[in-house]
Amino acid sequence: MAAVANKPKSEMTPEELAKREEEEFTTGPMSVLTQSVRNNTQVLINCRNNRKLLARIKAFDRHCNMVLENVREMWTELPKTGKGKKKAKAVSRDKYISKMFLRGDSVILVVMNPKEAVRQQPPAP
């Protein structure tokens, strides 16, 4: 496989390209998405609009476009204040969305749901 890894994609056969993509999805950073689809586990997605999505991934591609289910969108808002009033405190908001398509260019970070990840880890020796 080392010879295939060093070969430019333009010189690869379709079989070699498919094998390389499969390897990248199972061992590279995309493995988080692959594991989430296989195990139906939740992930926390940080988006460019400064919102977070806690969701289950149903499908994804190499561009990080994703089909999500049971999405909880979370964000904070600063309420407007009138003149002479004290600064308003940030208010946490959230919204439930049953199904969603997320375009990959809005994704900053994807992590496994920390609470589920703790439950799935084997106990320490």
N, C-alpha and C. Protein backbone atom coordinates (compact mmCIF):
# COMPACT_ATOMS: atom_id res chain seq x y z
N MET A 1 0.82 -1.20 0.00
CA MET A 1 0.00 0.00 0.00
C MET A 1 0.86 1.26 0.00
N ALA A 2 2.11 1.15 0.43
CA ALA A 2 3.00 2.31 0.47
C ALA A 2 3.22 2.89 -0.93
N ALA A 3 3.31 2.00 -1.94
CA ALA A 3 3.50 2.47 -3.31
C ALA A 3 2.28 3.25 -3.78
N VAL A 4 1.11 2.81 -3.39
CA VAL A 4 -0.12 3.50 -3.78
C VAL A 4 -0.22 4.85 -3.08
N ALA A 5 0.23 4.92 -1.83
CA ALA A 5 0.13 6.17 -1.06
C ALA A 5 0.99 7.27 -1.67
N ASN A 6 2.13 6.91 -2.26
CA ASN A 6 3.03 7.91 -2.83
C ASN A 6 2.68 8.26 -4.27
N LYS A 7 1.83 7.49 -4.89
CA LYS A 7 1.46 7.69 -6.29
C LYS A 7 0.46 8.85 -6.40
N PRO A 8 0.64 9.75 -7.37
CA PRO A 8 -0.35 10.83 -7.55
C PRO A 8 -1.72 10.27 -7.92
N LYS A 9 -2.78 10.92 -7.46
CA LYS A 9 -4.13 10.43 -7.72
C LYS A 9 -4.44 10.36 -9.21
N SER A 10 -3.84 11.25 -9.99
CA SER A 10 -4.10 11.27 -11.43
C SER A 10 -3.57 10.02 -12.13
N GLU A 11 -2.61 9.33 -11.52
CA GLU A 11 -2.03 8.13 -12.11
C GLU A 11 -2.63 6.84 -11.55
N MET A 12 -3.58 6.95 -10.64
CA MET A 12 -4.17 5.76 -10.01
C MET A 12 -5.32 5.21 -10.84
N THR A 13 -5.51 3.90 -10.73
CA THR A 13 -6.66 3.26 -11.35
C THR A 13 -7.87 3.49 -10.44
N PRO A 14 -9.09 3.31 -10.97
CA PRO A 14 -10.27 3.48 -10.11
C PRO A 14 -10.25 2.56 -8.88
N GLU A 15 -9.71 1.35 -9.03
CA GLU A 15 -9.63 0.42 -7.90
C GLU A 15 -8.69 0.95 -6.83
N GLU A 16 -7.54 1.49 -7.28
CA GLU A 16 -6.57 2.04 -6.33
C GLU A 16 -7.15 3.27 -5.61
N LEU A 17 -7.88 4.09 -6.36
CA LEU A 17 -8.51 5.27 -5.75
C LEU A 17 -9.53 4.86 -4.69
N ALA A 18 -10.35 3.85 -5.01
CA ALA A 18 -11.36 3.38 -4.05
C ALA A 18 -10.70 2.81 -2.80
N LYS A 19 -9.61 2.05 -3.00
CA LYS A 19 -8.90 1.45 -1.86
C LYS A 19 -8.28 2.54 -0.98
N ARG A 20 -7.70 3.55 -1.61
CA ARG A 20 -7.08 4.64 -0.86
C ARG A 20 -8.13 5.43 -0.07
N GLU A 21 -9.27 5.71 -0.72
CA GLU A 21 -10.33 6.44 -0.02
C GLU A 21 -10.86 5.65 1.16
N GLU A 22 -11.04 4.35 0.96
CA GLU A 22 -11.52 3.49 2.06
C GLU A 22 -10.53 3.52 3.23
N GLU A 23 -9.24 3.45 2.92
CA GLU A 23 -8.22 3.48 3.98
C GLU A 23 -8.24 4.82 4.71
N GLU A 24 -8.38 5.92 3.96
CA GLU A 24 -8.41 7.24 4.59
C GLU A 24 -9.63 7.39 5.49
N PHE A 25 -10.77 6.79 5.09
CA PHE A 25 -11.98 6.90 5.89
C PHE A 25 -11.94 6.03 7.13
N THR A 26 -11.11 4.99 7.15
CA THR A 26 -11.07 4.10 8.32
C THR A 26 -9.91 4.41 9.27
N THR A 27 -8.87 5.09 8.79
CA THR A 27 -7.72 5.37 9.66
C THR A 27 -7.46 6.85 9.88
N GLY A 28 -7.89 7.70 8.99
CA GLY A 28 -7.59 9.13 9.09
C GLY A 28 -8.62 9.87 9.92
N PRO A 29 -8.63 11.19 9.79
CA PRO A 29 -9.57 12.01 10.55
C PRO A 29 -11.04 11.70 10.23
N MET A 30 -11.30 11.21 9.02
CA MET A 30 -12.67 10.88 8.64
C MET A 30 -13.19 9.65 9.38
N SER A 31 -12.30 8.95 10.10
CA SER A 31 -12.72 7.75 10.82
C SER A 31 -13.73 8.10 11.93
N VAL A 32 -13.69 9.32 12.43
CA VAL A 32 -14.69 9.74 13.43
C VAL A 32 -16.08 9.69 12.82
N LEU A 33 -16.20 10.18 11.58
CA LEU A 33 -17.49 10.15 10.90
C LEU A 33 -17.90 8.72 10.57
N THR A 34 -16.93 7.92 10.09
CA THR A 34 -17.22 6.52 9.75
C THR A 34 -17.71 5.76 10.97
N GLN A 35 -17.03 5.91 12.10
CA GLN A 35 -17.44 5.24 13.34
C GLN A 35 -18.83 5.67 13.78
N SER A 36 -19.11 6.95 13.65
CA SER A 36 -20.42 7.45 14.05
C SER A 36 -21.54 6.85 13.22
N VAL A 37 -21.30 6.70 11.91
CA VAL A 37 -22.32 6.11 11.03
C VAL A 37 -22.51 4.63 11.38
N ARG A 38 -21.40 3.91 11.56
CA ARG A 38 -21.47 2.47 11.85
C ARG A 38 -22.13 2.18 13.19
N ASN A 39 -21.77 2.94 14.23
CA ASN A 39 -22.25 2.68 15.59
C ASN A 39 -23.49 3.50 15.95
N ASN A 40 -23.91 4.38 15.06
CA ASN A 40 -25.06 5.26 15.31
C ASN A 40 -24.86 6.08 16.60
N THR A 41 -23.64 6.58 16.79
CA THR A 41 -23.32 7.38 17.97
C THR A 41 -23.44 8.87 17.65
N GLN A 42 -23.62 9.66 18.69
CA GLN A 42 -23.75 11.10 18.51
C GLN A 42 -22.38 11.74 18.34
N VAL A 43 -22.36 12.83 17.57
CA VAL A 43 -21.17 13.65 17.43
C VAL A 43 -21.54 15.10 17.74
N LEU A 44 -20.54 15.85 18.15
CA LEU A 44 -20.72 17.28 18.37
C LEU A 44 -20.00 17.99 17.24
N ILE A 45 -20.72 18.80 16.47
CA ILE A 45 -20.16 19.49 15.31
C ILE A 45 -20.14 20.98 15.60
N ASN A 46 -18.97 21.59 15.47
CA ASN A 46 -18.82 23.03 15.65
C ASN A 46 -18.88 23.66 14.26
N CYS A 47 -19.78 24.62 14.06
CA CYS A 47 -19.99 25.22 12.74
C CYS A 47 -19.44 26.64 12.68
N ARG A 48 -19.28 27.13 11.45
CA ARG A 48 -18.72 28.46 11.23
C ARG A 48 -19.64 29.58 11.71
N ASN A 49 -20.93 29.32 11.84
CA ASN A 49 -21.85 30.35 12.31
C ASN A 49 -21.89 30.41 13.84
N ASN A 50 -20.89 29.81 14.48
CA ASN A 50 -20.73 29.79 15.93
C ASN A 50 -21.86 29.05 16.63
N ARG A 51 -22.40 28.05 15.96
CA ARG A 51 -23.40 27.18 16.56
C ARG A 51 -22.84 25.78 16.65
N LYS A 52 -23.39 25.01 17.57
CA LYS A 52 -22.97 23.63 17.76
C LYS A 52 -24.15 22.73 17.44
N LEU A 53 -23.85 21.58 16.83
CA LEU A 53 -24.87 20.60 16.50
C LEU A 53 -24.53 19.29 17.19
N LEU A 54 -25.46 18.78 17.98
CA LEU A 54 -25.31 17.46 18.58
C LEU A 54 -26.25 16.56 17.80
N ALA A 55 -25.68 15.59 17.06
CA ALA A 55 -26.52 14.83 16.12
C ALA A 55 -25.96 13.45 15.86
N ARG A 56 -26.76 12.65 15.18
CA ARG A 56 -26.33 11.34 14.68
C ARG A 56 -26.15 11.46 13.17
N ILE A 57 -25.01 10.99 12.68
CA ILE A 57 -24.70 11.08 11.25
C ILE A 57 -25.27 9.86 10.54
N LYS A 58 -26.03 10.09 9.49
CA LYS A 58 -26.58 9.00 8.69
C LYS A 58 -25.71 8.75 7.46
N ALA A 59 -25.12 9.80 6.89
CA ALA A 59 -24.26 9.66 5.72
C ALA A 59 -23.35 10.88 5.63
N PHE A 60 -22.21 10.72 4.94
CA PHE A 60 -21.28 11.82 4.72
C PHE A 60 -20.44 11.53 3.48
N ASP A 61 -19.73 12.54 3.01
CA ASP A 61 -18.81 12.35 1.89
C ASP A 61 -17.47 12.99 2.21
N ARG A 62 -16.57 12.95 1.24
CA ARG A 62 -15.20 13.43 1.48
C ARG A 62 -15.13 14.94 1.72
N HIS A 63 -16.19 15.67 1.37
CA HIS A 63 -16.22 17.12 1.57
C HIS A 63 -16.81 17.48 2.93
N CYS A 64 -17.15 16.49 3.74
CA CYS A 64 -17.79 16.64 5.04
C CYS A 64 -19.24 17.11 4.93
N ASN A 65 -19.85 16.98 3.75
CA ASN A 65 -21.30 17.15 3.66
C ASN A 65 -21.89 16.01 4.47
N MET A 66 -22.95 16.29 5.24
CA MET A 66 -23.51 15.26 6.11
C MET A 66 -25.03 15.28 6.11
N VAL A 67 -25.60 14.10 6.22
CA VAL A 67 -27.03 13.96 6.49
C VAL A 67 -27.13 13.62 7.97
N LEU A 68 -27.85 14.46 8.72
CA LEU A 68 -27.92 14.31 10.17
C LEU A 68 -29.35 14.04 10.61
N GLU A 69 -29.48 13.30 11.71
CA GLU A 69 -30.78 13.02 12.32
C GLU A 69 -30.73 13.37 13.79
N ASN A 70 -31.90 13.64 14.36
CA ASN A 70 -32.03 13.97 15.78
C ASN A 70 -31.03 15.05 16.19
N VAL A 71 -31.10 16.17 15.50
CA VAL A 71 -30.13 17.25 15.68
C VAL A 71 -30.60 18.20 16.77
N ARG A 72 -29.70 18.53 17.66
CA ARG A 72 -29.94 19.58 18.65
C ARG A 72 -28.96 20.70 18.34
N GLU A 73 -29.49 21.82 17.85
CA GLU A 73 -28.67 22.97 17.50
C GLU A 73 -28.59 23.88 18.72
N MET A 74 -27.37 24.27 19.11
CA MET A 74 -27.17 25.07 20.32
C MET A 74 -26.36 26.32 20.00
N TRP A 75 -26.74 27.45 20.61
CA TRP A 75 -26.03 28.69 20.43
C TRP A 75 -26.33 29.62 21.59
N THR A 76 -25.56 30.71 21.68
CA THR A 76 -25.81 31.71 22.72
C THR A 76 -26.15 33.04 22.06
N GLU A 77 -27.01 33.80 22.71
CA GLU A 77 -27.42 35.11 22.21
C GLU A 77 -27.18 36.15 23.29
N LEU A 78 -26.86 37.35 22.86
CA LEU A 78 -26.76 38.48 23.78
C LEU A 78 -28.00 39.34 23.57
N PRO A 79 -28.89 39.41 24.57
CA PRO A 79 -30.09 40.24 24.41
C PRO A 79 -29.70 41.71 24.26
N LYS A 80 -30.50 42.45 23.49
CA LYS A 80 -30.24 43.88 23.30
C LYS A 80 -30.57 44.62 24.59
N THR A 81 -29.77 45.62 24.89
CA THR A 81 -30.01 46.43 26.09
C THR A 81 -30.30 47.86 25.66
N GLY A 82 -31.08 48.54 26.47
CA GLY A 82 -31.37 49.95 26.19
C GLY A 82 -30.23 50.82 26.69
N LYS A 83 -30.34 52.11 26.45
CA LYS A 83 -29.29 53.04 26.88
C LYS A 83 -29.24 53.11 28.40
N GLY A 84 -28.04 53.13 28.94
CA GLY A 84 -27.85 53.28 30.37
C GLY A 84 -28.07 52.02 31.18
N LYS A 85 -28.44 50.94 30.53
CA LYS A 85 -28.66 49.69 31.28
C LYS A 85 -27.36 48.90 31.35
N LYS A 86 -27.33 47.99 32.32
CA LYS A 86 -26.16 47.13 32.47
C LYS A 86 -26.06 46.17 31.28
N LYS A 87 -24.89 45.61 31.13
CA LYS A 87 -24.69 44.63 30.06
C LYS A 87 -25.58 43.42 30.30
N ALA A 88 -26.15 42.93 29.23
CA ALA A 88 -27.03 41.76 29.34
C ALA A 88 -26.18 40.50 29.41
N LYS A 89 -26.71 39.51 30.10
CA LYS A 89 -26.01 38.23 30.18
C LYS A 89 -26.36 37.38 28.97
N ALA A 90 -25.41 36.57 28.54
CA ALA A 90 -25.63 35.68 27.40
C ALA A 90 -26.69 34.64 27.76
N VAL A 91 -27.55 34.35 26.80
CA VAL A 91 -28.62 33.37 26.99
C VAL A 91 -28.37 32.19 26.07
N SER A 92 -28.36 31.00 26.63
CA SER A 92 -28.19 29.79 25.81
C SER A 92 -29.52 29.41 25.18
N ARG A 93 -29.47 29.11 23.90
CA ARG A 93 -30.66 28.70 23.17
C ARG A 93 -30.39 27.36 22.51
N ASP A 94 -31.46 26.61 22.24
CA ASP A 94 -31.31 25.39 21.45
C ASP A 94 -32.59 25.10 20.69
N LYS A 95 -32.45 24.27 19.67
CA LYS A 95 -33.57 23.95 18.79
C LYS A 95 -33.40 22.51 18.32
N TYR A 96 -34.51 21.78 18.22
CA TYR A 96 -34.47 20.40 17.74
C TYR A 96 -34.84 20.37 16.26
N ILE A 97 -34.07 19.61 15.48
CA ILE A 97 -34.33 19.43 14.05
C ILE A 97 -34.28 17.93 13.78
N SER A 98 -35.34 17.36 13.21
CA SER A 98 -35.40 15.91 13.04
C SER A 98 -34.43 15.41 11.97
N LYS A 99 -34.37 16.07 10.82
CA LYS A 99 -33.45 15.68 9.76
C LYS A 99 -32.84 16.93 9.14
N MET A 100 -31.56 16.83 8.76
CA MET A 100 -30.86 18.00 8.26
C MET A 100 -29.75 17.59 7.30
N PHE A 101 -29.52 18.41 6.26
CA PHE A 101 -28.34 18.26 5.41
C PHE A 101 -27.41 19.40 5.79
N LEU A 102 -26.17 19.07 6.12
CA LEU A 102 -25.18 20.07 6.51
C LEU A 102 -24.09 20.13 5.45
N ARG A 103 -23.89 21.30 4.88
CA ARG A 103 -22.86 21.47 3.85
C ARG A 103 -21.48 21.48 4.53
N GLY A 104 -20.55 20.77 3.94
CA GLY A 104 -19.25 20.55 4.56
C GLY A 104 -18.41 21.79 4.78
N ASP A 105 -18.58 22.83 3.96
CA ASP A 105 -17.73 24.01 4.14
C ASP A 105 -18.08 24.82 5.38
N SER A 106 -19.18 24.49 6.04
CA SER A 106 -19.53 25.18 7.28
C SER A 106 -19.04 24.44 8.53
N VAL A 107 -18.40 23.29 8.33
CA VAL A 107 -17.92 22.48 9.46
C VAL A 107 -16.52 22.92 9.87
N ILE A 108 -16.34 23.17 11.17
CA ILE A 108 -15.01 23.49 11.70
C ILE A 108 -14.41 22.26 12.38
N LEU A 109 -15.20 21.61 13.23
CA LEU A 109 -14.69 20.53 14.07
C LEU A 109 -15.78 19.50 14.31
N VAL A 110 -15.39 18.22 14.30
CA VAL A 110 -16.32 17.14 14.63
C VAL A 110 -15.66 16.27 15.70
N VAL A 111 -16.35 16.08 16.83
CA VAL A 111 -15.85 15.21 17.89
C VAL A 111 -16.96 14.26 18.32
N MET A 112 -16.55 13.08 18.78
CA MET A 112 -17.53 12.15 19.33
C MET A 112 -18.16 12.80 20.56
N ASN A 113 -19.42 12.51 20.81
CA ASN A 113 -20.10 13.05 21.99
C ASN A 113 -19.30 12.61 23.23
N PRO A 114 -18.74 13.56 23.98
CA PRO A 114 -17.89 13.19 25.12
C PRO A 114 -18.59 12.29 26.13
N LYS A 115 -19.87 12.51 26.37
CA LYS A 115 -20.58 11.68 27.36
C LYS A 115 -20.73 10.26 26.87
N GLU A 116 -21.00 10.06 25.57
CA GLU A 116 -21.12 8.71 25.02
C GLU A 116 -19.75 8.04 24.93
N ALA A 117 -18.72 8.82 24.61
CA ALA A 117 -17.38 8.26 24.46
C ALA A 117 -16.89 7.67 25.78
N VAL A 118 -17.23 8.31 26.90
CA VAL A 118 -16.83 7.80 28.21
C VAL A 118 -17.51 6.46 28.48
N ARG A 119 -18.78 6.34 28.10
CA ARG A 119 -19.52 5.09 28.31
C ARG A 119 -18.98 3.95 27.46
N GLN A 120 -18.47 4.26 26.25
CA GLN A 120 -18.03 3.22 25.34
C GLN A 120 -16.62 2.72 25.64
N GLN A 121 -15.81 3.52 26.33
CA GLN A 121 -14.44 3.11 26.62
C GLN A 121 -14.43 1.97 27.62
N PRO A 122 -13.50 1.01 27.41
CA PRO A 122 -13.38 -0.07 28.40
C PRO A 122 -12.80 0.47 29.70
N PRO A 123 -13.10 -0.16 30.82
CA PRO A 123 -12.58 0.33 32.10
C PRO A 123 -11.05 0.24 32.13
N ALA A 124 -10.45 1.18 32.83
CA ALA A 124 -8.99 1.21 32.95
C ALA A 124 -8.52 0.05 33.81
N PRO A 125 -7.34 -0.53 33.47
CA PRO A 125 -6.84 -1.68 34.27
C PRO A 125 -6.37 -1.28 35.64
